[in-house]
PDB file of N, CA and C in Angstrom:
ATOM      1  N   UNK A   1     108.767  97.419 112.643  1.00  0.00           N
ATOM      2  CA  UNK A   1     108.112  98.197 111.617  1.00  0.00           C
ATOM      3  C   UNK A   1     106.597  98.054 111.742  1.00  0.00           C
ATOM      4  N   UNK A   2     105.896  99.017 111.188  1.00  0.00           N
ATOM      5  CA  UNK A   2     104.436  99.046 111.179  1.00  0.00           C
ATOM      6  C   UNK A   2     103.991  99.092 109.722  1.00  0.00           C
ATOM      7  N   UNK A   3     103.082  98.210 109.357  1.00  0.00           N
ATOM      8  CA  UNK A   3     102.690  98.063 107.960  1.00  0.00           C
ATOM      9  C   UNK A   3     101.230  98.426 107.742  1.00  0.00           C
ATOM     10  N   UNK A   4     100.992  99.178 106.690  1.00  0.00           N
ATOM     11  CA  UNK A   4      99.650  99.396 106.167  1.00  0.00           C
ATOM     12  C   UNK A   4      99.601  98.590 104.883  1.00  0.00           C
ATOM     13  N   UNK A   5      98.550  97.796 104.719  1.00  0.00           N
ATOM     14  CA  UNK A   5      98.522  96.888 103.581  1.00  0.00           C
ATOM     15  C   UNK A   5      97.155  96.893 102.914  1.00  0.00           C
ATOM     16  N   UNK A   6      97.159  96.499 101.658  1.00  0.00           N
ATOM     17  CA  UNK A   6      95.928  96.326 100.900  1.00  0.00           C
ATOM     18  C   UNK A   6      95.937  94.910 100.351  1.00  0.00           C
ATOM     19  N   UNK A   7      94.884  94.170 100.683  1.00  0.00           N
ATOM     20  CA  UNK A   7      94.719  92.816 100.181  1.00  0.00           C
ATOM     21  C   UNK A   7      93.703  92.839  99.044  1.00  0.00           C
ATOM     22  N   UNK A   8      93.883  91.909  98.098  1.00  0.00           N
ATOM     23  CA  UNK A   8      92.898  91.726  97.045  1.00  0.00           C
ATOM     24  C   UNK A   8      92.434  90.281  97.081  1.00  0.00           C
ATOM     25  N   UNK A   9      91.124  90.108  96.958  1.00  0.00           N
ATOM     26  CA  UNK A   9      90.554  88.773  96.966  1.00  0.00           C
ATOM     27  C   UNK A   9      90.840  88.075  95.643  1.00  0.00           C
ATOM     28  N   UNK A  10      91.296  86.829  95.707  1.00  0.00           N
ATOM     29  CA  UNK A  10      91.493  86.040  94.494  1.00  0.00           C
ATOM     30  C   UNK A  10      90.181  85.420  94.022  1.00  0.00           C
ATOM     31  N   UNK A  11      89.233  85.260  94.919  1.00  0.00           N
ATOM     32  CA  UNK A  11      87.957  84.637  94.548  1.00  0.00           C
ATOM     33  C   UNK A  11      86.922  85.662  94.081  1.00  0.00           C
ATOM     34  N   UNK A  12      87.133  86.918  94.411  1.00  0.00           N
ATOM     35  CA  UNK A  12      86.190  87.983  94.034  1.00  0.00           C
ATOM     36  C   UNK A  12      87.020  89.183  93.583  1.00  0.00           C
ATOM     37  N   UNK A  13      87.515  89.119  92.350  1.00  0.00           N
ATOM     38  CA  UNK A  13      88.396  90.172  91.855  1.00  0.00           C
ATOM     39  C   UNK A  13      87.744  91.542  91.982  1.00  0.00           C
ATOM     40  N   UNK A  14      88.554  92.501  92.384  1.00  0.00           N
ATOM     41  CA  UNK A  14      88.045  93.849  92.594  1.00  0.00           C
ATOM     42  C   UNK A  14      87.621  94.115  94.023  1.00  0.00           C
ATOM     43  N   UNK A  15      87.662  93.099  94.883  1.00  0.00           N
ATOM     44  CA  UNK A  15      87.325  93.254  96.299  1.00  0.00           C
ATOM     45  C   UNK A  15      88.635  93.455  97.064  1.00  0.00           C
ATOM     46  N   UNK A  16      88.724  94.557  97.801  1.00  0.00           N
ATOM     47  CA  UNK A  16      89.946  94.903  98.513  1.00  0.00           C
ATOM     48  C   UNK A  16      89.682  95.046 100.010  1.00  0.00           C
ATOM     49  N   UNK A  17      90.748  94.909 100.778  1.00  0.00           N
ATOM     50  CA  UNK A  17      90.691  95.097 102.221  1.00  0.00           C
ATOM     51  C   UNK A  17      91.945  95.849 102.635  1.00  0.00           C
ATOM     52  N   UNK A  18      91.787  96.888 103.445  1.00  0.00           N
ATOM     53  CA  UNK A  18      92.916  97.690 103.930  1.00  0.00           C
ATOM     54  C   UNK A  18      93.083  97.445 105.417  1.00  0.00           C
ATOM     55  N   UNK A  19      94.327  97.252 105.859  1.00  0.00           N
ATOM     56  CA  UNK A  19      94.564  96.987 107.264  1.00  0.00           C
ATOM     57  C   UNK A  19      95.920  97.468 107.746  1.00  0.00           C
ATOM     58  N   UNK A  20      96.194  97.192 109.022  1.00  0.00           N
ATOM     59  CA  UNK A  20      97.416  97.601 109.716  1.00  0.00           C
ATOM     60  C   UNK A  20      97.931  96.411 110.511  1.00  0.00           C
ATOM     61  N   UNK A  21      99.247  96.241 110.542  1.00  0.00           N
ATOM     62  CA  UNK A  21      99.847  95.163 111.333  1.00  0.00           C
ATOM     63  C   UNK A  21     101.318  95.452 111.597  1.00  0.00           C
ATOM     64  N   UNK A  22     101.887  94.666 112.499  1.00  0.00           N
ATOM     65  CA  UNK A  22     103.330  94.708 112.711  1.00  0.00           C
ATOM     66  C   UNK A  22     103.991  93.449 112.155  1.00  0.00           C
ATOM     67  N   UNK A  23     103.189  92.485 111.720  1.00  0.00           N
ATOM     68  CA  UNK A  23     103.706  91.227 111.168  1.00  0.00           C
ATOM     69  C   UNK A  23     102.876  90.852 109.939  1.00  0.00           C
ATOM     70  N   UNK A  24     103.343  91.250 108.788  1.00  0.00           N
ATOM     71  CA  UNK A  24     102.572  91.127 107.555  1.00  0.00           C
ATOM     72  C   UNK A  24     102.298  89.679 107.164  1.00  0.00           C
ATOM     73  N   UNK A  25     103.289  88.809 107.246  1.00  0.00           N
ATOM     74  CA  UNK A  25     103.099  87.405 106.849  1.00  0.00           C
ATOM     75  C   UNK A  25     102.070  86.703 107.735  1.00  0.00           C
ATOM     76  N   UNK A  26     102.190  86.901 109.032  1.00  0.00           N
ATOM     77  CA  UNK A  26     101.260  86.273 109.966  1.00  0.00           C
ATOM     78  C   UNK A  26      99.847  86.818 109.781  1.00  0.00           C
ATOM     79  N   UNK A  27      99.741  88.105 109.548  1.00  0.00           N
ATOM     80  CA  UNK A  27      98.417  88.714 109.365  1.00  0.00           C
ATOM     81  C   UNK A  27      97.740  88.186 108.104  1.00  0.00           C
ATOM     82  N   UNK A  28      98.493  88.015 107.013  1.00  0.00           N
ATOM     83  CA  UNK A  28      97.922  87.461 105.789  1.00  0.00           C
ATOM     84  C   UNK A  28      97.426  86.039 106.034  1.00  0.00           C
ATOM     85  N   UNK A  29      98.212  85.230 106.737  1.00  0.00           N
ATOM     86  CA  UNK A  29      97.781  83.870 107.062  1.00  0.00           C
ATOM     87  C   UNK A  29      96.488  83.886 107.868  1.00  0.00           C
ATOM     88  N   UNK A  30      96.395  84.819 108.821  1.00  0.00           N
ATOM     89  CA  UNK A  30      95.189  84.916 109.646  1.00  0.00           C
ATOM     90  C   UNK A  30      93.977  85.284 108.786  1.00  0.00           C
ATOM     91  N   UNK A  31      94.134  86.231 107.879  1.00  0.00           N
ATOM     92  CA  UNK A  31      93.020  86.588 106.985  1.00  0.00           C
ATOM     93  C   UNK A  31      92.576  85.381 106.160  1.00  0.00           C
ATOM     94  N   UNK A  32      93.523  84.586 105.705  1.00  0.00           N
ATOM     95  CA  UNK A  32      93.192  83.453 104.847  1.00  0.00           C
ATOM     96  C   UNK A  32      92.686  82.229 105.611  1.00  0.00           C
ATOM     97  N   UNK A  33      92.902  82.174 106.916  1.00  0.00           N
ATOM     98  CA  UNK A  33      92.482  81.020 107.711  1.00  0.00           C
ATOM     99  C   UNK A  33      91.276  81.282 108.601  1.00  0.00           C
ATOM    100  N   UNK A  34      90.983  82.542 108.867  1.00  0.00           N
ATOM    101  CA  UNK A  34      89.834  82.865 109.728  1.00  0.00           C
ATOM    102  C   UNK A  34      88.527  82.477 109.057  1.00  0.00           C
ATOM    103  N   UNK A  35      87.574  82.081 109.866  1.00  0.00           N
ATOM    104  CA  UNK A  35      86.270  81.693 109.330  1.00  0.00           C
ATOM    105  C   UNK A  35      85.175  82.686 109.720  1.00  0.00           C
ATOM    106  N   UNK A  36      85.558  83.781 110.380  1.00  0.00           N
ATOM    107  CA  UNK A  36      84.576  84.798 110.741  1.00  0.00           C
ATOM    108  C   UNK A  36      85.105  86.167 110.334  1.00  0.00           C
ATOM    109  N   UNK A  37      84.221  87.115 110.231  1.00  0.00           N
ATOM    110  CA  UNK A  37      84.616  88.461 109.882  1.00  0.00           C
ATOM    111  C   UNK A  37      84.505  88.730 108.390  1.00  0.00           C
ATOM    112  N   UNK A  38      84.773  89.959 108.035  1.00  0.00           N
ATOM    113  CA  UNK A  38      84.622  90.413 106.651  1.00  0.00           C
ATOM    114  C   UNK A  38      85.477  89.624 105.665  1.00  0.00           C
ATOM    115  N   UNK A  39      86.736  89.393 106.003  1.00  0.00           N
ATOM    116  CA  UNK A  39      87.651  88.776 105.038  1.00  0.00           C
ATOM    117  C   UNK A  39      87.373  87.298 104.806  1.00  0.00           C
ATOM    118  N   UNK A  40      86.660  86.642 105.696  1.00  0.00           N
ATOM    119  CA  UNK A  40      86.382  85.208 105.541  1.00  0.00           C
ATOM    120  C   UNK A  40      85.560  84.921 104.289  1.00  0.00           C
ATOM    121  N   UNK A  41      84.663  85.837 103.931  1.00  0.00           N
ATOM    122  CA  UNK A  41      83.773  85.625 102.793  1.00  0.00           C
ATOM    123  C   UNK A  41      84.490  85.652 101.449  1.00  0.00           C
ATOM    124  N   UNK A  42      85.653  86.276 101.409  1.00  0.00           N
ATOM    125  CA  UNK A  42      86.312  86.524 100.123  1.00  0.00           C
ATOM    126  C   UNK A  42      87.689  85.870 100.022  1.00  0.00           C
ATOM    127  N   UNK A  43      87.943  84.843 100.834  1.00  0.00           N
ATOM    128  CA  UNK A  43      89.230  84.149 100.798  1.00  0.00           C
ATOM    129  C   UNK A  43      89.406  83.420  99.474  1.00  0.00           C
ATOM    130  N   UNK A  44      90.593  83.179  99.026  1.00  0.00           N
ATOM    131  CA  UNK A  44      91.882  83.589  99.581  1.00  0.00           C
ATOM    132  C   UNK A  44      92.245  85.025  99.181  1.00  0.00           C
ATOM    133  N   UNK A  45      93.133  85.611  99.968  1.00  0.00           N
ATOM    134  CA  UNK A  45      93.614  86.969  99.761  1.00  0.00           C
ATOM    135  C   UNK A  45      95.080  86.947  99.354  1.00  0.00           C
ATOM    136  N   UNK A  46      95.466  87.940  98.577  1.00  0.00           N
ATOM    137  CA  UNK A  46      96.882  88.158  98.269  1.00  0.00           C
ATOM    138  C   UNK A  46      97.212  89.605  98.618  1.00  0.00           C
ATOM    139  N   UNK A  47      98.468  89.856  98.913  1.00  0.00           N
ATOM    140  CA  UNK A  47      98.893  91.225  99.203  1.00  0.00           C
ATOM    141  C   UNK A  47      99.027  91.959  97.874  1.00  0.00           C
ATOM    142  N   UNK A  48      98.247  93.007  97.743  1.00  0.00           N
ATOM    143  CA  UNK A  48      98.282  93.823  96.532  1.00  0.00           C
ATOM    144  C   UNK A  48      99.311  94.950  96.685  1.00  0.00           C
ATOM    145  N   UNK A  49      99.429  95.471  97.912  1.00  0.00           N
ATOM    146  CA  UNK A  49     100.325  96.600  98.173  1.00  0.00           C
ATOM    147  C   UNK A  49     100.552  96.697  99.677  1.00  0.00           C
ATOM    148  N   UNK A  50     101.729  97.180 100.058  1.00  0.00           N
ATOM    149  CA  UNK A  50     101.962  97.495 101.461  1.00  0.00           C
ATOM    150  C   UNK A  50     103.000  98.594 101.567  1.00  0.00           C
ATOM    151  N   UNK A  51     102.997  99.261 102.705  1.00  0.00           N
ATOM    152  CA  UNK A  51     103.955 100.327 102.980  1.00  0.00           C
ATOM    153  C   UNK A  51     104.415 100.158 104.427  1.00  0.00           C
ATOM    154  N   UNK A  52     105.713 100.280 104.636  1.00  0.00           N
ATOM    155  CA  UNK A  52     106.281 100.130 105.977  1.00  0.00           C
ATOM    156  C   UNK A  52     106.551 101.509 106.583  1.00  0.00           C
ATOM    157  N   UNK A  53     106.205 101.647 107.847  1.00  0.00           N
ATOM    158  CA  UNK A  53     106.439 102.876 108.601  1.00  0.00           C
ATOM    159  C   UNK A  53     107.276 102.534 109.827  1.00  0.00           C
ATOM    160  N   UNK A  54     108.100 103.465 110.267  1.00  0.00           N
ATOM    161  CA  UNK A  54     108.846 103.230 111.499  1.00  0.00           C
ATOM    162  C   UNK A  54     108.149 103.878 112.693  1.00  0.00           C
ATOM    163  N   UNK A  55     106.972 104.466 112.449  1.00  0.00           N
ATOM    164  CA  UNK A  55     106.222 105.166 113.477  1.00  0.00           C
ATOM    165  C   UNK A  55     104.776 104.677 113.442  1.00  0.00           C
ATOM    166  N   UNK A  56     104.293 104.122 114.540  1.00  0.00           N
ATOM    167  CA  UNK A  56     102.944 103.569 114.575  1.00  0.00           C
ATOM    168  C   UNK A  56     101.875 104.626 114.340  1.00  0.00           C
ATOM    169  N   UNK A  57     102.048 105.795 114.905  1.00  0.00           N
ATOM    170  CA  UNK A  57     101.052 106.854 114.761  1.00  0.00           C
ATOM    171  C   UNK A  57     100.846 107.215 113.288  1.00  0.00           C
ATOM    172  N   UNK A  58     101.936 107.368 112.541  1.00  0.00           N
ATOM    173  CA  UNK A  58     101.822 107.707 111.121  1.00  0.00           C
ATOM    174  C   UNK A  58     101.195 106.577 110.314  1.00  0.00           C
ATOM    175  N   UNK A  59     101.524 105.347 110.660  1.00  0.00           N
ATOM    176  CA  UNK A  59     100.951 104.196 109.955  1.00  0.00           C
ATOM    177  C   UNK A  59      99.444 104.143 110.177  1.00  0.00           C
ATOM    178  N   UNK A  60      99.013 104.326 111.404  1.00  0.00           N
ATOM    179  CA  UNK A  60      97.580 104.274 111.700  1.00  0.00           C
ATOM    180  C   UNK A  60      96.830 105.428 111.023  1.00  0.00           C
ATOM    181  N   UNK A  61      97.448 106.601 110.996  1.00  0.00           N
ATOM    182  CA  UNK A  61      96.819 107.739 110.331  1.00  0.00           C
ATOM    183  C   UNK A  61      96.678 107.474 108.832  1.00  0.00           C
ATOM    184  N   UNK A  62      97.690 106.861 108.219  1.00  0.00           N
ATOM    185  CA  UNK A  62      97.620 106.573 106.791  1.00  0.00           C
ATOM    186  C   UNK A  62      96.574 105.491 106.514  1.00  0.00           C
ATOM    187  N   UNK A  63      96.484 104.491 107.380  1.00  0.00           N
ATOM    188  CA  UNK A  63      95.454 103.466 107.221  1.00  0.00           C
ATOM    189  C   UNK A  63      94.064 104.103 107.260  1.00  0.00           C
ATOM    190  N   UNK A  64      93.827 104.961 108.232  1.00  0.00           N
ATOM    191  CA  UNK A  64      92.531 105.630 108.336  1.00  0.00           C
ATOM    192  C   UNK A  64      92.249 106.476 107.102  1.00  0.00           C
ATOM    193  N   UNK A  65      93.269 107.165 106.582  1.00  0.00           N
ATOM    194  CA  UNK A  65      93.099 107.953 105.359  1.00  0.00           C
ATOM    195  C   UNK A  65      92.676 107.061 104.194  1.00  0.00           C
ATOM    196  N   UNK A  66      93.336 105.911 104.040  1.00  0.00           N
ATOM    197  CA  UNK A  66      93.003 105.020 102.927  1.00  0.00           C
ATOM    198  C   UNK A  66      91.564 104.506 103.005  1.00  0.00           C
ATOM    199  N   UNK A  67      90.978 104.519 104.179  1.00  0.00           N
ATOM    200  CA  UNK A  67      89.610 104.041 104.354  1.00  0.00           C
ATOM    201  C   UNK A  67      88.571 105.144 104.144  1.00  0.00           C
ATOM    202  N   UNK A  68      89.011 106.362 103.831  1.00  0.00           N
ATOM    203  CA  UNK A  68      88.085 107.453 103.532  1.00  0.00           C
ATOM    204  C   UNK A  68      87.786 107.464 102.037  1.00  0.00           C
ATOM    205  N   UNK A  69      86.845 108.285 101.637  1.00  0.00           N
ATOM    206  CA  UNK A  69      86.520 108.404 100.214  1.00  0.00           C
ATOM    207  C   UNK A  69      87.701 108.859  99.386  1.00  0.00           C
ATOM    208  N   UNK A  70      88.427 109.872  99.858  1.00  0.00           N
ATOM    209  CA  UNK A  70      89.581 110.346  99.093  1.00  0.00           C
ATOM    210  C   UNK A  70      90.716 109.328  99.132  1.00  0.00           C
ATOM    211  N   UNK A  71      90.809 108.562 100.208  1.00  0.00           N
ATOM    212  CA  UNK A  71      91.815 107.505 100.283  1.00  0.00           C
ATOM    213  C   UNK A  71      91.535 106.388  99.295  1.00  0.00           C
ATOM    214  N   UNK A  72      90.261 106.018  99.151  1.00  0.00           N
ATOM    215  CA  UNK A  72      89.891 104.995  98.163  1.00  0.00           C
ATOM    216  C   UNK A  72      90.153 105.492  96.745  1.00  0.00           C
ATOM    217  N   UNK A  73      89.926 106.786  96.515  1.00  0.00           N
ATOM    218  CA  UNK A  73      90.234 107.368  95.204  1.00  0.00           C
ATOM    219  C   UNK A  73      91.744 107.334  94.968  1.00  0.00           C
ATOM    220  N   UNK A  74      92.535 107.606  96.005  1.00  0.00           N
ATOM    221  CA  UNK A  74      93.990 107.518  95.910  1.00  0.00           C
ATOM    222  C   UNK A  74      94.424 106.119  95.517  1.00  0.00           C
ATOM    223  N   UNK A  75      93.803 105.117  96.144  1.00  0.00           N
ATOM    224  CA  UNK A  75      94.127 103.718  95.831  1.00  0.00           C
ATOM    225  C   UNK A  75      93.822 103.414  94.367  1.00  0.00           C
ATOM    226  N   UNK A  76      92.674 103.847  93.897  1.00  0.00           N
ATOM    227  CA  UNK A  76      92.301 103.583  92.507  1.00  0.00           C
ATOM    228  C   UNK A  76      93.269 104.235  91.522  1.00  0.00           C
ATOM    229  N   UNK A  77      93.752 105.425  91.855  1.00  0.00           N
ATOM    230  CA  UNK A  77      94.670 106.145  90.959  1.00  0.00           C
ATOM    231  C   UNK A  77      96.079 105.581  90.983  1.00  0.00           C
ATOM    232  N   UNK A  78      96.539 105.166  92.155  1.00  0.00           N
ATOM    233  CA  UNK A  78      97.962 104.866  92.311  1.00  0.00           C
ATOM    234  C   UNK A  78      98.307 103.399  92.541  1.00  0.00           C
ATOM    235  N   UNK A  79      97.341 102.582  92.911  1.00  0.00           N
ATOM    236  CA  UNK A  79      97.678 101.199  93.266  1.00  0.00           C
ATOM    237  C   UNK A  79      96.935 100.241  92.361  1.00  0.00           C
TER     238      UNK A  79
END
């Protein structure tokens, strides 16, 4: 499966991160253990929402959509 996910920072409420992975548990651990990159500043993270796709192309397209202005508005309305 291919997952599109939204993380929320526990240390900075209201801070979100959208990503793509094939292994959700491992990816969350990596976000919480990494010391470099965007997510390191706002650790720890929790999974706020995720969606599973059986097609990588569709998952990546949806991830890119969520990172647009209308995608962020969609997140605010529905998630």
